């Protein structure tokens, strides 16, 4: 009887020891995962030029309606574009290849060059442009067009010869998977980065970069959370430009 009791006690001690070892191993694995996660999250942001411009020198988009400073009644405003030497759809992609930005908002995609949009009273600046198979803006002269018009009782924008920026992506409120790069793509209207001594400053959190070419930018190592992307078109001497569309702010979420 004593031998049986002694064996039972010894078995319980061994079982308790093994259980403790397993808990320690599980805890150790969890600690390793947390350390790896913390290491990844603490990596510095990286800004890199994509250097992947797509050239369609013969592609052209023209805007027939609205005319410059044309006035419309509030409601459905007609838009009529003429696209030359460029397919709005291809067999290799289903992405609509005509995009339009109103007053610096996020771009909207259109598969037809003629459509209507419901608009309220105000003064509007339209920027329309063509995109390649991956959605990047085409940046040759003629690949894009801009124009001002009014809806209802409104005043025209004050005249300005200053260049301005239109952001193709990211879109405001865009959600990225953790580890996915953030892509920044843009157009410069009414000027040229090199010829006019301009630069684009991109700020996100405490990090920033300056862009002096029209190439798109890839931003990597964004930690999980909400991030505000601040974009400014500046002179190379850091002088700010006049006009309401020389800067833009986009919020992105990393989940």
Protein backbone atom coordinates (compact mmCIF):
# COMPACT_ATOMS: atom_id res chain seq x y z
CA UNK A 1 0.00 0.00 0.00
CA UNK A 2 2.79 2.44 0.89
CA UNK A 3 4.54 1.63 -2.40
CA UNK A 4 1.37 2.45 -4.34
CA UNK A 5 0.91 5.73 -2.45
CA UNK A 6 4.55 6.68 -3.01
CA UNK A 7 4.27 5.97 -6.76
CA UNK A 8 1.12 8.12 -7.02
CA UNK A 9 2.78 11.07 -5.28
CA UNK A 10 5.84 10.77 -7.52
CA UNK A 11 3.61 10.72 -10.65
CA UNK A 12 1.82 13.91 -9.53
CA UNK A 13 5.14 15.68 -8.94
CA UNK A 14 6.40 14.71 -12.41
CA UNK A 15 3.11 15.83 -14.02
CA UNK A 16 3.28 19.19 -12.23
CA UNK A 17 6.89 19.68 -13.38
CA UNK A 18 6.02 18.93 -17.02
CA UNK A 19 3.03 21.29 -16.88
CA UNK A 20 5.25 24.03 -15.54
CA UNK A 21 7.80 23.46 -18.30
CA UNK A 22 5.04 23.66 -20.94
CA UNK A 23 3.73 26.91 -19.47
CA UNK A 24 7.24 28.34 -19.51
CA UNK A 25 7.70 27.29 -23.13
CA UNK A 26 4.34 28.82 -24.15
CA UNK A 27 5.15 32.03 -22.30
CA UNK A 28 8.59 32.12 -23.90
CA UNK A 29 7.03 31.75 -27.37
CA UNK A 30 4.54 34.52 -26.65
CA UNK A 31 7.35 36.76 -25.44
CA UNK A 32 9.30 36.07 -28.64
CA UNK A 33 6.30 37.01 -30.79
CA UNK A 34 5.81 40.23 -28.83
CA UNK A 35 9.49 41.12 -29.18
CA UNK A 36 9.41 40.43 -32.92
CA UNK A 37 6.25 42.55 -33.26
CA UNK A 38 7.80 45.40 -31.29
CA UNK A 39 10.96 45.21 -33.41
CA UNK A 40 8.92 45.40 -36.62
CA UNK A 41 6.82 48.30 -35.36
CA UNK A 42 9.92 50.24 -34.36
CA UNK A 43 11.50 50.16 -37.83
CA UNK A 44 11.93 53.66 -39.30
CA UNK A 45 9.69 54.75 -42.16
CA UNK A 46 11.25 54.34 -45.57
CA UNK A 47 10.47 56.63 -48.51
CA UNK A 48 11.55 55.32 -51.90
CA UNK A 49 10.98 56.58 -55.44
CA UNK A 50 9.19 54.05 -57.60
CA UNK A 51 10.67 55.34 -60.86
CA UNK A 52 7.91 53.64 -62.82
CA UNK A 53 6.33 56.32 -64.96
CA UNK A 54 4.23 55.01 -67.83
CA UNK A 55 4.47 57.06 -71.00
CA UNK A 56 1.55 57.60 -73.36
CA UNK A 57 2.76 60.73 -75.18
CA UNK A 58 -0.04 60.60 -77.77
CA UNK A 59 -2.89 60.05 -75.28
CA UNK A 60 -5.03 63.12 -74.78
CA UNK A 61 -8.06 64.07 -72.73
CA UNK A 62 -10.07 67.17 -73.69
CA UNK A 63 -12.89 68.79 -71.70
CA UNK A 64 -15.83 70.04 -73.78
CA UNK A 65 -18.19 70.70 -70.85
CA UNK A 66 -17.99 72.64 -68.54
CA UNK A 67 -16.47 75.62 -70.30
CA UNK A 68 -14.16 77.92 -68.38
CA UNK A 69 -16.10 79.70 -65.58
CA UNK A 70 -19.40 78.40 -66.97
CA UNK A 71 -22.32 78.74 -64.55
CA UNK A 72 -24.78 75.90 -63.90
CA UNK A 73 -27.90 75.59 -61.80
CA UNK A 74 -27.55 73.42 -58.66
CA UNK A 75 -28.33 69.80 -59.45
CA UNK A 76 -27.00 67.54 -62.15
CA UNK A 77 -24.02 69.13 -63.88
CA UNK A 78 -22.96 67.61 -67.23
CA UNK A 79 -19.37 66.59 -67.95
CA UNK A 80 -18.22 65.74 -71.45
CA UNK A 81 -14.68 64.63 -72.21
CA UNK A 82 -13.01 63.58 -75.43
CA UNK A 83 -10.31 60.93 -75.03
CA UNK A 84 -7.91 60.38 -77.93
CA UNK A 85 -5.38 57.63 -78.64
CA UNK A 86 -6.15 55.86 -75.38
CA UNK A 87 -8.55 53.04 -74.45
CA UNK A 88 -10.72 53.73 -71.40
CA UNK A 89 -10.91 49.96 -70.86
CA UNK A 90 -8.59 47.13 -71.87
CA UNK A 91 -8.82 43.35 -71.77
CA UNK A 92 -6.02 43.22 -69.19
CA UNK A 93 -7.68 45.44 -66.59
CA UNK A 94 -11.16 46.39 -65.42
CA UNK A 95 -9.98 49.66 -63.84
CA UNK A 96 -11.79 52.69 -65.33
CA UNK A 97 -8.98 54.78 -66.78
CA UNK A 98 -10.50 58.26 -66.58
CA UNK A 99 -10.40 59.94 -63.16
CA UNK A 100 -11.74 63.26 -61.97
CA UNK A 101 -10.94 65.37 -58.89
CA UNK A 102 -13.16 68.25 -57.76
CA UNK A 103 -11.67 70.90 -55.46
CA UNK A 104 -8.88 68.66 -54.22
CA UNK A 105 -11.17 65.82 -53.13
CA UNK A 106 -10.47 62.13 -53.70
CA UNK A 107 -10.55 61.08 -57.37
CA UNK A 108 -13.59 59.35 -58.81
CA UNK A 109 -13.33 56.80 -61.61
CA UNK A 110 -15.34 56.85 -64.83
CA UNK A 111 -15.55 54.33 -67.64
CA UNK A 112 -17.48 56.70 -69.91
CA UNK A 113 -16.33 60.15 -71.08
CA UNK A 114 -19.86 61.60 -70.74
CA UNK A 115 -21.71 61.68 -67.41
CA UNK A 116 -23.49 63.91 -64.89
CA UNK A 117 -22.71 64.70 -61.27
CA UNK A 118 -24.99 66.15 -58.60
CA UNK A 119 -23.45 69.38 -57.30
CA UNK A 120 -24.56 72.10 -54.90
CA UNK A 121 -23.88 75.83 -55.00
CA UNK A 122 -20.18 76.69 -55.12
CA UNK A 123 -17.08 77.29 -57.20
CA UNK A 124 -15.32 74.22 -58.52
CA UNK A 125 -12.00 73.28 -60.04
CA UNK A 126 -12.03 70.04 -62.01
CA UNK A 127 -8.87 68.05 -62.70
CA UNK A 128 -9.37 65.09 -65.03
CA UNK A 129 -6.61 62.70 -66.05
CA UNK A 130 -5.87 59.28 -67.51
CA UNK A 131 -4.32 56.39 -65.58
CA UNK A 132 -2.33 53.32 -66.59
CA UNK A 133 -3.24 49.66 -66.01
CA UNK A 134 -2.22 49.88 -62.34
CA UNK A 135 -4.02 53.13 -61.64
CA UNK A 136 -1.01 55.47 -61.69
CA UNK A 137 -1.63 58.90 -63.22
CA UNK A 138 -0.24 59.56 -66.69
CA UNK A 139 1.92 62.67 -66.52
CA UNK A 140 2.69 63.70 -70.08
CA UNK A 141 1.28 67.01 -71.32
CA UNK A 142 -2.17 66.28 -72.73
CA UNK A 143 -2.78 63.32 -70.38
CA UNK A 144 -4.69 65.65 -68.04
CA UNK A 145 -6.84 68.79 -68.10
CA UNK A 146 -8.10 71.30 -65.52
CA UNK A 147 -10.82 73.97 -65.51
CA UNK A 148 -12.90 76.15 -63.17
CA UNK A 149 -16.70 76.48 -63.22
CA UNK A 150 -19.50 77.61 -60.92
CA UNK A 151 -22.78 76.21 -59.66
CA UNK A 152 -25.50 78.62 -58.54
CA UNK A 153 -24.79 82.11 -57.23
CA UNK A 154 -21.04 81.86 -56.67
CA UNK A 155 -17.85 83.76 -57.50
CA UNK A 156 -14.92 82.60 -59.57
CA UNK A 157 -11.67 81.69 -57.86
CA UNK A 158 -9.27 84.65 -57.67
CA UNK A 159 -6.84 84.55 -60.57
CA UNK A 160 -3.57 82.83 -59.75
CA UNK A 161 -0.74 81.70 -62.00
CA UNK A 162 0.70 79.54 -59.22
CA UNK A 163 1.09 75.79 -59.83
CA UNK A 164 -0.87 73.39 -57.64
CA UNK A 165 -1.00 69.70 -56.79
CA UNK A 166 -3.62 66.99 -57.37
CA UNK A 167 -3.29 63.73 -55.38
CA UNK A 168 -4.19 60.52 -57.20
CA UNK A 169 -3.56 58.31 -54.18
CA UNK A 170 -3.79 57.57 -51.35
CA UNK A 171 -7.47 58.27 -50.86
CA UNK A 172 -8.66 59.81 -47.63
CA UNK A 173 -9.73 57.04 -45.23
CA UNK A 174 -7.83 54.34 -47.13
CA UNK A 175 -7.23 51.15 -45.11
CA UNK A 176 -3.94 49.25 -45.48
CA UNK A 177 -3.09 45.78 -44.23
CA UNK A 178 -0.20 45.75 -41.76
CA UNK A 179 3.04 45.48 -43.77
CA UNK A 180 1.45 46.82 -46.98
CA UNK A 181 3.27 49.85 -48.45
CA UNK A 182 1.52 53.20 -48.75
CA UNK A 183 1.73 54.58 -52.30
CA UNK A 184 1.75 58.30 -53.05
CA UNK A 185 0.99 59.43 -56.61
CA UNK A 186 0.31 62.97 -57.79
CA UNK A 187 0.09 65.49 -60.62
CA UNK A 188 1.48 69.02 -60.79
CA UNK A 189 -0.84 71.42 -62.62
CA UNK A 190 0.16 74.78 -64.06
CA UNK A 191 3.88 74.22 -63.60
CA UNK A 192 6.83 71.86 -63.63
CA UNK A 193 8.87 70.65 -60.66
CA UNK A 194 12.24 71.13 -62.33
CA UNK A 195 11.59 74.15 -64.54
CA UNK A 196 9.80 76.12 -61.82
CA UNK A 197 12.13 75.15 -58.95
CA UNK A 198 9.40 73.32 -57.06
CA UNK A 199 9.36 70.40 -54.64
CA UNK A 200 6.73 68.30 -52.91
CA UNK A 201 7.13 67.78 -49.18
CA UNK A 202 5.49 64.69 -47.71
CA UNK A 203 5.07 64.47 -43.94
CA UNK A 204 3.70 61.56 -41.94
CA UNK A 205 4.04 61.61 -38.17
CA UNK A 206 7.52 62.86 -37.36
CA UNK A 207 8.99 61.68 -40.68
CA UNK A 208 9.18 63.52 -43.97
CA UNK A 209 10.71 63.44 -47.43
CA UNK A 210 11.06 65.91 -50.30
CA UNK A 211 10.22 64.99 -53.88
CA UNK A 212 11.74 66.82 -56.84
CA UNK A 213 10.62 64.48 -59.65
CA UNK A 214 7.15 63.34 -60.76
CA UNK A 215 7.84 59.73 -59.74
CA UNK A 216 5.47 58.03 -57.32
CA UNK A 217 6.65 57.31 -53.77
CA UNK A 218 6.44 54.08 -51.77
CA UNK A 219 6.25 54.48 -47.96
CA UNK A 220 7.03 51.33 -45.95
CA UNK A 221 7.22 50.26 -42.28
CA UNK A 222 4.07 52.07 -41.23
CA UNK A 223 3.06 50.80 -37.77
CA UNK A 224 -0.52 49.85 -36.97
CA UNK A 225 -2.75 52.80 -36.21
CA UNK A 226 -4.12 55.98 -37.80
CA UNK A 227 -1.76 58.13 -39.84
CA UNK A 228 -2.12 61.60 -41.34
CA UNK A 229 -0.30 62.27 -44.58
CA UNK A 230 0.42 65.97 -45.15
CA UNK A 231 1.39 66.98 -48.69
CA UNK A 232 2.74 70.44 -49.59
CA UNK A 233 3.83 71.92 -52.91
CA UNK A 234 6.61 74.42 -52.15
CA UNK A 235 9.31 76.48 -53.79
CA UNK A 236 12.74 74.97 -53.34
CA UNK A 237 13.51 77.79 -50.91
CA UNK A 238 10.55 76.50 -48.79
CA UNK A 239 8.31 79.41 -49.76
CA UNK A 240 4.65 78.38 -49.70
CA UNK A 241 2.52 78.85 -52.80
CA UNK A 242 -0.68 80.88 -52.93
CA UNK A 243 -3.97 79.22 -53.73
CA UNK A 244 -6.24 76.67 -52.05
CA UNK A 245 -4.85 73.60 -53.81
CA UNK A 246 -1.14 73.79 -53.03
CA UNK A 247 -1.51 71.34 -50.13
CA UNK A 248 -3.55 68.29 -49.18
CA UNK A 249 -4.11 66.10 -46.13
CA UNK A 250 -5.07 62.42 -46.26
CA UNK A 251 -5.76 60.08 -43.33
CA UNK A 252 -4.89 56.39 -43.74
CA UNK A 253 -5.46 53.46 -41.39
CA UNK A 254 -3.10 50.51 -40.92
CA UNK A 255 -4.88 47.47 -39.49
